[in-house]
C-alpha atoms as a PDB file:
ATOM      1  CA  MET A   1     -67.090 -51.332  15.622  1.00  0.00           C
ATOM      2  CA  SER A   2     -68.825 -49.731  12.660  1.00  0.00           C
ATOM      3  CA  LYS A   3     -67.480 -49.639   9.116  1.00  0.00           C
ATOM      4  CA  ARG A   4     -66.796 -45.939   9.471  1.00  0.00           C
ATOM      5  CA  GLY A   5     -64.773 -46.488  12.665  1.00  0.00           C
ATOM      6  CA  LEU A   6     -62.880 -49.358  11.020  1.00  0.00           C
ATOM      7  CA  VAL A   7     -61.977 -47.186   7.989  1.00  0.00           C
ATOM      8  CA  ILE A   8     -60.792 -44.340  10.258  1.00  0.00           C
ATOM      9  CA  ALA A   9     -58.741 -46.776  12.364  1.00  0.00           C
ATOM     10  CA  ALA A  10     -57.195 -48.305   9.211  1.00  0.00           C
ATOM     11  CA  LEU A  11     -56.330 -44.881   7.756  1.00  0.00           C
ATOM     12  CA  SER A  12     -54.888 -43.758  11.091  1.00  0.00           C
ATOM     13  CA  ALA A  13     -52.751 -46.882  11.305  1.00  0.00           C
ATOM     14  CA  LEU A  14     -51.578 -46.366   7.694  1.00  0.00           C
ATOM     15  CA  CYS A  15     -50.647 -42.720   8.371  1.00  0.00           C
ATOM     16  CA  LEU A  16     -48.811 -43.651  11.573  1.00  0.00           C
ATOM     17  CA  THR A  17     -46.921 -46.426   9.749  1.00  0.00           C
ATOM     18  CA  MET A  18     -45.914 -44.018   6.966  1.00  0.00           C
ATOM     19  CA  ILE A  19     -44.715 -41.412   9.458  1.00  0.00           C
ATOM     20  CA  LEU A  20     -42.669 -43.930  11.451  1.00  0.00           C
ATOM     21  CA  ALA A  21     -41.210 -45.548   8.311  1.00  0.00           C
ATOM     22  CA  ALA A  22     -40.252 -42.248   6.641  1.00  0.00           C
ATOM     23  CA  PRO A  23     -36.566 -41.234   6.723  1.00  0.00           C
ATOM     24  CA  THR A  24     -35.808 -38.893   9.596  1.00  0.00           C
ATOM     25  CA  ASN A  25     -34.297 -36.109   7.505  1.00  0.00           C
ATOM     26  CA  SER A  26     -37.471 -35.741   5.441  1.00  0.00           C
ATOM     27  CA  LEU A  27     -39.345 -34.646   8.583  1.00  0.00           C
ATOM     28  CA  VAL A  28     -36.977 -31.800   9.425  1.00  0.00           C
ATOM     29  CA  GLY A  29     -35.566 -28.786   7.616  1.00  0.00           C
ATOM     30  CA  TYR A  30     -32.131 -28.441   6.089  1.00  0.00           C
ATOM     31  CA  TYR A  31     -28.919 -28.640   8.118  1.00  0.00           C
ATOM     32  CA  ASP A  32     -27.649 -25.214   9.211  1.00  0.00           C
ATOM     33  CA  PRO A  33     -24.080 -25.335  10.595  1.00  0.00           C
ATOM     34  CA  TRP A  34     -24.672 -22.059  12.489  1.00  0.00           C
ATOM     35  CA  LEU A  35     -27.247 -23.899  14.635  1.00  0.00           C
ATOM     36  CA  ASP A  36     -24.930 -26.854  15.359  1.00  0.00           C
ATOM     37  CA  TYR A  37     -23.302 -25.393  18.493  1.00  0.00           C
ATOM     38  CA  ASP A  38     -21.098 -28.404  19.285  1.00  0.00           C
ATOM     39  CA  ASP A  39     -20.045 -28.818  15.603  1.00  0.00           C
ATOM     40  CA  ASN A  40     -20.732 -32.554  15.518  1.00  0.00           C
ATOM     41  CA  GLY A  41     -22.666 -32.472  12.218  1.00  0.00           C
ATOM     42  CA  ASP A  42     -26.006 -33.134  13.931  1.00  0.00           C
ATOM     43  CA  ILE A  43     -28.484 -30.653  15.356  1.00  0.00           C
ATOM     44  CA  ASP A  44     -29.763 -32.457  18.431  1.00  0.00           C
ATOM     45  CA  MET A  45     -31.104 -31.746  21.930  1.00  0.00           C
ATOM     46  CA  LYS A  46     -27.657 -30.618  23.141  1.00  0.00           C
ATOM     47  CA  ASP A  47     -27.771 -27.810  20.570  1.00  0.00           C
ATOM     48  CA  VAL A  48     -31.367 -26.947  21.486  1.00  0.00           C
ATOM     49  CA  ALA A  49     -30.431 -26.910  25.191  1.00  0.00           C
ATOM     50  CA  ALA A  50     -27.456 -24.624  24.525  1.00  0.00           C
ATOM     51  CA  SER A  51     -29.735 -22.296  22.611  1.00  0.00           C
ATOM     52  CA  ALA A  52     -32.337 -22.376  25.400  1.00  0.00           C
ATOM     53  CA  ARG A  53     -29.702 -21.555  28.054  1.00  0.00           C
ATOM     54  CA  ALA A  54     -28.559 -18.577  25.965  1.00  0.00           C
ATOM     55  CA  PHE A  55     -32.103 -17.328  25.337  1.00  0.00           C
ATOM     56  CA  GLY A  56     -32.448 -13.635  26.210  1.00  0.00           C
ATOM     57  CA  SER A  57     -28.699 -12.967  26.364  1.00  0.00           C
ATOM     58  CA  PHE A  58     -26.947 -10.375  24.211  1.00  0.00           C
ATOM     59  CA  GLY A  59     -23.427  -9.426  23.158  1.00  0.00           C
ATOM     60  CA  ASP A  60     -21.086  -9.204  20.164  1.00  0.00           C
ATOM     61  CA  PRO A  61     -22.670 -11.060  17.190  1.00  0.00           C
ATOM     62  CA  THR A  62     -19.394 -11.831  15.396  1.00  0.00           C
ATOM     63  CA  LYS A  63     -18.501 -15.478  15.010  1.00  0.00           C
ATOM     64  CA  ASN A  64     -15.037 -16.888  14.421  1.00  0.00           C
ATOM     65  CA  VAL A  65     -14.967 -17.968  10.776  1.00  0.00           C
ATOM     66  CA  ASN A  66     -12.046 -19.438   8.854  1.00  0.00           C
ATOM     67  CA  VAL A  67     -12.115 -18.493   5.185  1.00  0.00           C
ATOM     68  CA  THR A  68      -9.804 -20.632   3.096  1.00  0.00           C
ATOM     69  CA  ASN A  69     -10.385 -19.513  -0.479  1.00  0.00           C
ATOM     70  CA  TRP A  70      -8.858 -16.011  -0.475  1.00  0.00           C
ATOM     71  CA  PRO A  71      -7.002 -15.182  -3.676  1.00  0.00           C
ATOM     72  CA  VAL A  72      -3.237 -15.317  -3.462  1.00  0.00           C
ATOM     73  CA  GLY A  73      -1.327 -12.056  -3.946  1.00  0.00           C
ATOM     74  CA  GLU A  74       0.018 -11.413  -7.408  1.00  0.00           C
ATOM     75  CA  GLN A  75       3.015  -9.316  -8.457  1.00  0.00           C
ATOM     76  CA  VAL A  76       3.200  -7.990 -12.004  1.00  0.00           C
ATOM     77  CA  CYS A  77       5.981  -6.185 -13.861  1.00  0.00           C
ATOM     78  CA  VAL A  78       4.309  -3.792 -16.298  1.00  0.00           C
ATOM     79  CA  TRP A  79       7.313  -1.948 -17.725  1.00  0.00           C
ATOM     80  CA  TRP A  80      11.003  -2.590 -17.230  1.00  0.00           C
ATOM     81  CA  ASP A  81      13.345   0.019 -18.674  1.00  0.00           C
ATOM     82  CA  GLU A  82      10.873   1.395 -21.216  1.00  0.00           C
ATOM     83  CA  TYR A  83      12.156   4.577 -22.822  1.00  0.00           C
ATOM     84  CA  LEU A  84       9.758   7.421 -23.588  1.00  0.00           C
ATOM     85  CA  THR A  85      10.817  10.145 -25.996  1.00  0.00           C
ATOM     86  CA  THR A  86       9.386  13.678 -26.035  1.00  0.00           C
ATOM     87  CA  SER A  87       5.586  13.883 -26.373  1.00  0.00           C
ATOM     88  CA  ASP A  88       5.433  10.086 -26.156  1.00  0.00           C
ATOM     89  CA  SER A  89       2.951   7.823 -24.385  1.00  0.00           C
ATOM     90  CA  LEU A  90       2.886   4.189 -23.412  1.00  0.00           C
ATOM     91  CA  THR A  91      -0.296   2.248 -22.531  1.00  0.00           C
ATOM     92  CA  SER A  92      -0.253  -1.114 -20.801  1.00  0.00           C
ATOM     93  CA  ILE A  93      -2.404  -4.123 -21.477  1.00  0.00           C
ATOM     94  CA  GLU A  94      -5.567  -4.576 -19.407  1.00  0.00           C
ATOM     95  CA  TYR A  95      -5.129  -6.252 -16.036  1.00  0.00           C
ATOM     96  CA  LYS A  96      -7.786  -8.083 -14.048  1.00  0.00           C
ATOM     97  CA  SER A  97      -8.111  -7.779 -10.278  1.00  0.00           C
ATOM     98  CA  TYR A  98     -11.027 -10.091  -9.404  1.00  0.00           C
ATOM     99  CA  GLY A  99     -11.051 -10.891  -5.698  1.00  0.00           C
ATOM    100  CA  PHE A 100      -8.328  -8.421  -4.708  1.00  0.00           C
ATOM    101  CA  CYS A 101      -8.769  -5.323  -2.571  1.00  0.00           C
ATOM    102  CA  ARG A 102      -5.537  -3.300  -2.658  1.00  0.00           C
ATOM    103  CA  MET A 103      -2.909  -2.486  -5.225  1.00  0.00           C
ATOM    104  CA  HIS A 104       0.650  -1.607  -4.185  1.00  0.00           C
ATOM    105  CA  ILE A 105       2.437   0.347  -6.918  1.00  0.00           C
ATOM    106  CA  LEU A 106       6.152   0.971  -7.341  1.00  0.00           C
ATOM    107  CA  VAL A 107       7.094   3.265 -10.211  1.00  0.00           C
ATOM    108  CA  ARG A 108      10.497   4.779 -10.925  1.00  0.00           C
ATOM    109  CA  SER A 109      11.966   6.946 -13.645  1.00  0.00           C
ATOM    110  CA  PHE A 110      15.548   7.475 -14.781  1.00  0.00           C
ATOM    111  CA  ASP A 111      17.283  10.012 -16.983  1.00  0.00           C
ATOM    112  CA  LEU A 112      14.984  12.911 -16.084  1.00  0.00           C
ATOM    113  CA  SER A 113      16.719  16.235 -15.538  1.00  0.00           C
ATOM    114  CA  GLY A 114      15.639  19.779 -14.779  1.00  0.00           C
ATOM    115  CA  ASP A 115      11.896  20.135 -15.103  1.00  0.00           C
ATOM    116  CA  GLU A 116      11.324  17.013 -17.247  1.00  0.00           C
ATOM    117  CA  THR A 117       8.375  14.865 -16.157  1.00  0.00           C
ATOM    118  CA  ILE A 118       6.708  11.516 -16.768  1.00  0.00           C
ATOM    119  CA  LYS A 119       3.060  11.340 -15.774  1.00  0.00           C
ATOM    120  CA  LEU A 120       1.650   7.960 -14.724  1.00  0.00           C
ATOM    121  CA  THR A 121      -2.127   7.460 -14.795  1.00  0.00           C
ATOM    122  CA  ILE A 122      -4.213   4.448 -13.780  1.00  0.00           C
ATOM    123  CA  TYR A 123      -7.551   3.982 -15.502  1.00  0.00           C
ATOM    124  CA  GLY A 124     -10.374   1.811 -14.216  1.00  0.00           C
ATOM    125  CA  LEU A 125     -12.358   0.121 -16.966  1.00  0.00           C
ATOM    126  CA  MET A 126     -16.029   0.313 -16.012  1.00  0.00           C
ATOM    127  CA  LYS A 127     -18.908  -1.460 -17.729  1.00  0.00           C
ATOM    128  CA  ASN A 128     -21.065   0.838 -19.805  1.00  0.00           C
ATOM    129  CA  PRO A 129     -24.779   0.537 -18.903  1.00  0.00           C
ATOM    130  CA  THR A 130     -25.671   0.742 -22.596  1.00  0.00           C
ATOM    131  CA  GLY A 131     -23.577  -2.356 -23.304  1.00  0.00           C
ATOM    132  CA  LEU A 132     -21.249  -0.523 -25.690  1.00  0.00           C
ATOM    133  CA  ALA A 133     -17.535   0.054 -25.135  1.00  0.00           C
ATOM    134  CA  ARG A 134     -16.311   0.230 -21.549  1.00  0.00           C
ATOM    135  CA  ILE A 135     -15.811   3.566 -19.832  1.00  0.00           C
ATOM    136  CA  MET A 136     -12.216   4.501 -18.923  1.00  0.00           C
ATOM    137  CA  THR A 137     -12.119   6.441 -15.670  1.00  0.00           C
ATOM    138  CA  GLU A 138      -8.966   8.020 -14.264  1.00  0.00           C
ATOM    139  CA  VAL A 139      -8.562   6.745 -10.696  1.00  0.00           C
ATOM    140  CA  TYR A 140      -4.985   7.715  -9.820  1.00  0.00           C
ATOM    141  CA  SER A 141      -2.157   9.768 -11.274  1.00  0.00           C
ATOM    142  CA  THR A 142       1.273  10.898 -10.204  1.00  0.00           C
ATOM    143  CA  THR A 143       4.091  12.827 -11.834  1.00  0.00           C
ATOM    144  CA  LEU A 144       7.690  11.674 -11.695  1.00  0.00           C
ATOM    145  CA  THR A 145      10.416  14.329 -11.814  1.00  0.00           C
ATOM    146  CA  ALA A 146      14.188  14.493 -11.412  1.00  0.00           C
ATOM    147  CA  ALA A 147      13.622  15.516  -7.769  1.00  0.00           C
ATOM    148  CA  THR A 148      11.023  12.778  -7.083  1.00  0.00           C
ATOM    149  CA  PRO A 149      11.809   9.896  -9.452  1.00  0.00           C
ATOM    150  CA  LEU A 150      10.257   7.202  -7.214  1.00  0.00           C
ATOM    151  CA  ARG A 151       6.680   6.615  -6.030  1.00  0.00           C
ATOM    152  CA  ASP A 152       5.621   3.793  -3.728  1.00  0.00           C
ATOM    153  CA  THR A 153       1.850   3.982  -3.286  1.00  0.00           C
ATOM    154  CA  THR A 154      -1.001   1.776  -2.088  1.00  0.00           C
ATOM    155  CA  ILE A 155      -4.523   2.343  -3.385  1.00  0.00           C
ATOM    156  CA  PHE A 156      -7.767   0.406  -3.408  1.00  0.00           C
ATOM    157  CA  VAL A 157      -8.167  -1.682  -6.548  1.00  0.00           C
ATOM    158  CA  PRO A 158      -9.733   0.768  -9.014  1.00  0.00           C
ATOM    159  CA  SER A 159     -12.080  -1.716 -10.714  1.00  0.00           C
ATOM    160  CA  GLU A 160     -12.207  -5.335 -11.824  1.00  0.00           C
ATOM    161  CA  GLU A 161     -10.150  -4.364 -14.874  1.00  0.00           C
ATOM    162  CA  PHE A 162      -7.657  -1.521 -15.216  1.00  0.00           C
ATOM    163  CA  LYS A 163      -4.660  -0.299 -17.197  1.00  0.00           C
ATOM    164  CA  PHE A 164      -1.733   2.084 -16.900  1.00  0.00           C
ATOM    165  CA  LYS A 165      -0.616   4.956 -19.096  1.00  0.00           C
ATOM    166  CA  ALA A 166       2.709   6.813 -18.962  1.00  0.00           C
ATOM    167  CA  GLU A 167       3.274   9.980 -20.943  1.00  0.00           C
ATOM    168  CA  THR A 168       5.825  12.731 -21.405  1.00  0.00           C
ATOM    169  CA  ASP A 169       5.339  16.326 -22.459  1.00  0.00           C
ATOM    170  CA  PHE A 170       6.988  18.134 -25.369  1.00  0.00           C
ATOM    171  CA  LYS A 171      10.274  18.680 -23.505  1.00  0.00           C
ATOM    172  CA  SER A 172      10.670  15.456 -21.482  1.00  0.00           C
ATOM    173  CA  ALA A 173      12.179  12.030 -22.130  1.00  0.00           C
ATOM    174  CA  GLY A 174      13.247   9.203 -19.830  1.00  0.00           C
ATOM    175  CA  ASP A 175      13.007   5.587 -18.730  1.00  0.00           C
ATOM    176  CA  ILE A 176      10.156   4.169 -16.658  1.00  0.00           C
ATOM    177  CA  TYR A 177       9.906   1.071 -14.485  1.00  0.00           C
ATOM    178  CA  LEU A 178       6.536  -0.028 -13.079  1.00  0.00           C
ATOM    179  CA  ASN A 179       5.541  -2.949 -10.865  1.00  0.00           C
ATOM    180  CA  PHE A 180       2.351  -3.546  -8.953  1.00  0.00           C
ATOM    181  CA  TYR A 181       1.276  -6.107  -6.417  1.00  0.00           C
ATOM    182  CA  LEU A 182      -2.330  -7.099  -5.703  1.00  0.00           C
ATOM    183  CA  THR A 183      -3.429  -8.229  -2.243  1.00  0.00           C
ATOM    184  CA  TRP A 184      -6.794  -9.028  -0.698  1.00  0.00           C
ATOM    185  CA  ALA A 185      -6.223  -7.087   2.530  1.00  0.00           C
END
């Protein structure tokens, strides 16, 4: 055997030894649980065979997934027996709604008579593209009267941050109660 053949044989043997001695997971890609059909933590020939048997089939692509980190619902009392005099307004603190989808609102007024009203408005606080103060956008409003003193409404969460405002006109005065409940569905 020539020197050249001996060098090639030695390099081939070295490469083969390195390949056989290398850890198995360094020879394959990352673990993808969507490819592990039998959910045993190992993508093996059983998974490949299941995929091969299903090759060419079609159907509904949804997969049963259990999500365990949904936010828990949160109930908040904004105002309890707050009295508004004529031409008065009341603005709440800012509330955060990260991770929630719907807001259930219960608002009630007392001591309104005749054509007196209390207007409730919800403002979404949007980020300003210029980076300056946030933009307040009206997303929902309702008017409470002596004939309709109660509103029970469900809306989509207006933004990641929002606040409430209640106001009376020049001839109205009364009490307001406001609760809301955030849910993810």
